Amino acid sequence: MAILAMLVGLASFICFIMVLIKQFQNAGVVHGIIGIITCGIWTFIWGWMNANNLNIRNLMLAWTVLILIGLILNFAFGVAMIPYGSVPTNTP
């Protein structure tokens, strides 16, 4: 399951790069740099704000679905990574 989560994360990162390129091309360097600095949050918001104008609606839908799938996978199967029975104690 970790491999599946990594593949979803990689696909989400590719969508981020594609929208970031559109952002640099259409909104300018300042918006692109802000998109990088905010770790993609501004790029995501900007992408949805301009999805119809730039004809990237399908890309934004795919990115949104990938983010949701990634969150579900990480929350559902991340709990399995917690080692049961290894509670730290303070005894010497």
N, C-alpha and C. Protein backbone atom coordinates (compact mmCIF):
# COMPACT_ATOMS: atom_id res chain seq x y z
N MET A 1 0.81 -1.20 0.00
CA MET A 1 0.00 0.00 0.00
C MET A 1 0.86 1.26 0.00
N ALA A 2 2.04 1.17 0.57
CA ALA A 2 2.92 2.33 0.59
C ALA A 2 3.35 2.70 -0.83
N ILE A 3 3.54 1.71 -1.67
CA ILE A 3 3.93 1.98 -3.06
C ILE A 3 2.79 2.68 -3.78
N LEU A 4 1.56 2.25 -3.53
CA LEU A 4 0.40 2.89 -4.15
C LEU A 4 0.28 4.35 -3.70
N ALA A 5 0.51 4.60 -2.43
CA ALA A 5 0.47 5.97 -1.91
C ALA A 5 1.56 6.82 -2.53
N MET A 6 2.74 6.23 -2.74
CA MET A 6 3.84 6.98 -3.37
C MET A 6 3.52 7.29 -4.83
N LEU A 7 2.90 6.35 -5.54
CA LEU A 7 2.53 6.59 -6.93
C LEU A 7 1.47 7.69 -7.04
N VAL A 8 0.52 7.69 -6.13
CA VAL A 8 -0.50 8.74 -6.11
C VAL A 8 0.16 10.08 -5.81
N GLY A 9 1.09 10.10 -4.89
CA GLY A 9 1.82 11.33 -4.58
C GLY A 9 2.64 11.83 -5.76
N LEU A 10 3.26 10.92 -6.48
CA LEU A 10 4.04 11.30 -7.66
C LEU A 10 3.12 11.87 -8.74
N ALA A 11 1.98 11.24 -8.97
CA ALA A 11 1.03 11.75 -9.96
C ALA A 11 0.50 13.13 -9.55
N SER A 12 0.27 13.33 -8.27
CA SER A 12 -0.17 14.62 -7.77
C SER A 12 0.92 15.68 -7.98
N PHE A 13 2.16 15.31 -7.77
CA PHE A 13 3.28 16.23 -7.98
C PHE A 13 3.39 16.61 -9.45
N ILE A 14 3.16 15.66 -10.35
CA ILE A 14 3.20 15.95 -11.79
C ILE A 14 2.09 16.93 -12.16
N CYS A 15 0.91 16.76 -11.59
CA CYS A 15 -0.17 17.71 -11.83
C CYS A 15 0.21 19.09 -11.31
N PHE A 16 0.84 19.15 -10.15
CA PHE A 16 1.31 20.42 -9.60
C PHE A 16 2.27 21.10 -10.56
N ILE A 17 3.21 20.37 -11.11
CA ILE A 17 4.19 20.94 -12.03
C ILE A 17 3.50 21.45 -13.29
N MET A 18 2.53 20.71 -13.80
CA MET A 18 1.83 21.13 -15.01
C MET A 18 1.04 22.43 -14.78
N VAL A 19 0.37 22.54 -13.64
CA VAL A 19 -0.37 23.76 -13.33
C VAL A 19 0.61 24.90 -13.05
N LEU A 20 1.71 24.61 -12.41
CA LEU A 20 2.71 25.63 -12.12
C LEU A 20 3.28 26.22 -13.41
N ILE A 21 3.50 25.39 -14.41
CA ILE A 21 3.99 25.88 -15.70
C ILE A 21 2.96 26.82 -16.32
N LYS A 22 1.67 26.43 -16.27
CA LYS A 22 0.61 27.31 -16.77
C LYS A 22 0.58 28.62 -15.99
N GLN A 23 0.83 28.52 -14.70
CA GLN A 23 0.81 29.71 -13.85
C GLN A 23 1.94 30.66 -14.24
N PHE A 24 3.13 30.14 -14.46
CA PHE A 24 4.24 30.97 -14.90
C PHE A 24 3.93 31.61 -16.25
N GLN A 25 3.35 30.85 -17.17
CA GLN A 25 3.08 31.34 -18.51
C GLN A 25 1.99 32.41 -18.54
N ASN A 26 0.96 32.27 -17.73
CA ASN A 26 -0.20 33.15 -17.83
C ASN A 26 -0.27 34.23 -16.75
N ALA A 27 0.21 33.97 -15.57
CA ALA A 27 0.09 34.94 -14.48
C ALA A 27 1.39 35.66 -14.21
N GLY A 28 2.50 35.13 -14.70
CA GLY A 28 3.77 35.79 -14.50
C GLY A 28 4.65 35.12 -13.47
N VAL A 29 5.84 35.65 -13.37
CA VAL A 29 6.86 35.07 -12.50
C VAL A 29 6.49 35.18 -11.03
N VAL A 30 5.90 36.30 -10.64
CA VAL A 30 5.57 36.50 -9.22
C VAL A 30 4.58 35.45 -8.74
N HIS A 31 3.54 35.19 -9.52
CA HIS A 31 2.57 34.17 -9.13
C HIS A 31 3.21 32.78 -9.11
N GLY A 32 4.10 32.52 -10.05
CA GLY A 32 4.79 31.23 -10.08
C GLY A 32 5.66 31.02 -8.86
N ILE A 33 6.38 32.05 -8.46
CA ILE A 33 7.24 31.95 -7.28
C ILE A 33 6.40 31.80 -6.02
N ILE A 34 5.29 32.53 -5.95
CA ILE A 34 4.39 32.36 -4.80
C ILE A 34 3.85 30.94 -4.76
N GLY A 35 3.55 30.37 -5.93
CA GLY A 35 3.09 28.99 -5.99
C GLY A 35 4.11 28.00 -5.48
N ILE A 36 5.39 28.27 -5.75
CA ILE A 36 6.46 27.39 -5.25
C ILE A 36 6.63 27.57 -3.75
N ILE A 37 6.64 28.81 -3.30
CA ILE A 37 6.88 29.10 -1.88
C ILE A 37 5.78 28.51 -1.00
N THR A 38 4.53 28.58 -1.48
CA THR A 38 3.41 28.08 -0.67
C THR A 38 3.22 26.57 -0.81
N CYS A 39 4.18 25.89 -1.40
CA CYS A 39 4.16 24.42 -1.55
C CYS A 39 2.93 23.93 -2.31
N GLY A 40 2.48 24.71 -3.27
CA GLY A 40 1.41 24.28 -4.14
C GLY A 40 0.02 24.70 -3.73
N ILE A 41 -0.16 25.26 -2.55
CA ILE A 41 -1.50 25.67 -2.13
C ILE A 41 -2.02 26.78 -3.03
N TRP A 42 -1.20 27.81 -3.26
CA TRP A 42 -1.62 28.90 -4.13
C TRP A 42 -1.79 28.40 -5.57
N THR A 43 -0.94 27.51 -6.00
CA THR A 43 -1.06 26.96 -7.35
C THR A 43 -2.37 26.22 -7.50
N PHE A 44 -2.76 25.46 -6.49
CA PHE A 44 -4.02 24.73 -6.51
C PHE A 44 -5.21 25.69 -6.59
N ILE A 45 -5.20 26.71 -5.74
CA ILE A 45 -6.28 27.70 -5.74
C ILE A 45 -6.32 28.45 -7.06
N TRP A 46 -5.16 28.90 -7.52
CA TRP A 46 -5.08 29.64 -8.79
C TRP A 46 -5.55 28.77 -9.95
N GLY A 47 -5.19 27.49 -9.93
CA GLY A 47 -5.62 26.58 -10.98
C GLY A 47 -7.12 26.46 -11.05
N TRP A 48 -7.78 26.34 -9.90
CA TRP A 48 -9.24 26.26 -9.91
C TRP A 48 -9.88 27.58 -10.31
N MET A 49 -9.27 28.69 -9.92
CA MET A 49 -9.81 30.00 -10.31
C MET A 49 -9.75 30.21 -11.82
N ASN A 50 -8.76 29.62 -12.48
CA ASN A 50 -8.56 29.83 -13.91
C ASN A 50 -8.77 28.55 -14.73
N ALA A 51 -9.42 27.58 -14.17
CA ALA A 51 -9.57 26.28 -14.85
C ALA A 51 -10.34 26.40 -16.15
N ASN A 52 -11.40 27.17 -16.17
CA ASN A 52 -12.20 27.30 -17.38
C ASN A 52 -11.50 28.18 -18.42
N ASN A 53 -10.84 29.25 -17.97
CA ASN A 53 -10.17 30.16 -18.90
C ASN A 53 -9.00 29.48 -19.61
N LEU A 54 -8.26 28.65 -18.90
CA LEU A 54 -7.07 28.01 -19.46
C LEU A 54 -7.33 26.61 -19.99
N ASN A 55 -8.58 26.16 -19.86
CA ASN A 55 -8.96 24.82 -20.32
C ASN A 55 -8.15 23.72 -19.61
N ILE A 56 -8.02 23.87 -18.29
CA ILE A 56 -7.32 22.86 -17.49
C ILE A 56 -8.25 22.25 -16.45
N ARG A 57 -9.54 22.28 -16.73
CA ARG A 57 -10.52 21.75 -15.77
C ARG A 57 -10.29 20.27 -15.50
N ASN A 58 -10.04 19.48 -16.53
CA ASN A 58 -9.80 18.05 -16.33
C ASN A 58 -8.53 17.81 -15.52
N LEU A 59 -7.51 18.60 -15.76
CA LEU A 59 -6.27 18.49 -14.99
C LEU A 59 -6.52 18.82 -13.52
N MET A 60 -7.30 19.85 -13.26
CA MET A 60 -7.60 20.23 -11.88
C MET A 60 -8.47 19.18 -11.19
N LEU A 61 -9.41 18.61 -11.94
CA LEU A 61 -10.23 17.52 -11.37
C LEU A 61 -9.35 16.32 -11.02
N ALA A 62 -8.43 15.97 -11.91
CA ALA A 62 -7.53 14.85 -11.64
C ALA A 62 -6.66 15.14 -10.42
N TRP A 63 -6.13 16.37 -10.33
CA TRP A 63 -5.28 16.74 -9.20
C TRP A 63 -6.07 16.67 -7.90
N THR A 64 -7.30 17.15 -7.91
CA THR A 64 -8.14 17.12 -6.71
C THR A 64 -8.41 15.68 -6.27
N VAL A 65 -8.76 14.83 -7.23
CA VAL A 65 -9.02 13.42 -6.92
C VAL A 65 -7.76 12.75 -6.38
N LEU A 66 -6.62 13.04 -6.97
CA LEU A 66 -5.36 12.45 -6.49
C LEU A 66 -5.04 12.90 -5.07
N ILE A 67 -5.29 14.17 -4.77
CA ILE A 67 -5.05 14.65 -3.40
C ILE A 67 -5.96 13.92 -2.41
N LEU A 68 -7.24 13.76 -2.77
CA LEU A 68 -8.17 13.07 -1.88
C LEU A 68 -7.79 11.60 -1.70
N ILE A 69 -7.42 10.94 -2.79
CA ILE A 69 -7.00 9.53 -2.69
C ILE A 69 -5.74 9.42 -1.84
N GLY A 70 -4.80 10.35 -2.03
CA GLY A 70 -3.58 10.34 -1.22
C GLY A 70 -3.87 10.52 0.26
N LEU A 71 -4.78 11.42 0.59
CA LEU A 71 -5.14 11.62 1.99
C LEU A 71 -5.79 10.37 2.57
N ILE A 72 -6.68 9.77 1.82
CA ILE A 72 -7.36 8.56 2.30
C ILE A 72 -6.35 7.43 2.51
N LEU A 73 -5.46 7.23 1.54
CA LEU A 73 -4.46 6.16 1.67
C LEU A 73 -3.53 6.41 2.84
N ASN A 74 -3.08 7.63 3.00
CA ASN A 74 -2.14 7.92 4.08
C ASN A 74 -2.79 7.81 5.45
N PHE A 75 -4.05 8.22 5.57
CA PHE A 75 -4.71 8.08 6.86
C PHE A 75 -5.10 6.64 7.15
N ALA A 76 -5.60 5.95 6.14
CA ALA A 76 -6.09 4.58 6.36
C ALA A 76 -4.95 3.61 6.61
N PHE A 77 -3.91 3.71 5.82
CA PHE A 77 -2.84 2.72 5.92
C PHE A 77 -1.63 3.25 6.68
N GLY A 78 -1.63 4.52 7.00
CA GLY A 78 -0.56 5.06 7.84
C GLY A 78 -0.65 4.55 9.25
N VAL A 79 -1.87 4.27 9.69
CA VAL A 79 -2.07 3.72 11.04
C VAL A 79 -1.44 2.34 11.15
N ALA A 80 -1.38 1.62 10.05
CA ALA A 80 -0.77 0.29 10.07
C ALA A 80 0.73 0.36 10.31
N MET A 81 1.32 1.52 10.11
CA MET A 81 2.76 1.67 10.32
C MET A 81 3.12 1.83 11.80
N ILE A 82 2.13 2.09 12.64
CA ILE A 82 2.39 2.27 14.07
C ILE A 82 2.68 0.90 14.68
N PRO A 83 3.83 0.75 15.30
CA PRO A 83 4.15 -0.56 15.90
C PRO A 83 3.34 -0.77 17.19
N TYR A 84 2.58 -1.83 17.22
CA TYR A 84 1.78 -2.15 18.39
C TYR A 84 2.66 -2.87 19.41
N GLY A 85 2.44 -2.56 20.67
CA GLY A 85 3.15 -3.24 21.73
C GLY A 85 4.52 -2.66 22.04
N SER A 86 4.94 -1.64 21.37
CA SER A 86 6.25 -1.06 21.66
C SER A 86 6.08 0.30 22.33
N VAL A 87 5.47 0.25 23.51
CA VAL A 87 5.24 1.46 24.28
C VAL A 87 6.52 1.77 25.07
N PRO A 88 7.06 2.97 24.93
CA PRO A 88 8.27 3.31 25.67
C PRO A 88 8.02 3.37 27.17
N THR A 89 8.95 2.87 27.94
CA THR A 89 8.83 2.92 29.39
C THR A 89 9.99 3.70 29.95
N ASN A 90 9.83 4.17 31.15
CA ASN A 90 10.87 4.94 31.81
C ASN A 90 11.69 4.11 32.79
N THR A 91 11.57 2.81 32.78
CA THR A 91 12.32 1.97 33.71
C THR A 91 13.73 1.75 33.16
N PRO A 92 14.72 1.73 34.06
CA PRO A 92 16.10 1.56 33.60
C PRO A 92 16.44 0.17 33.17
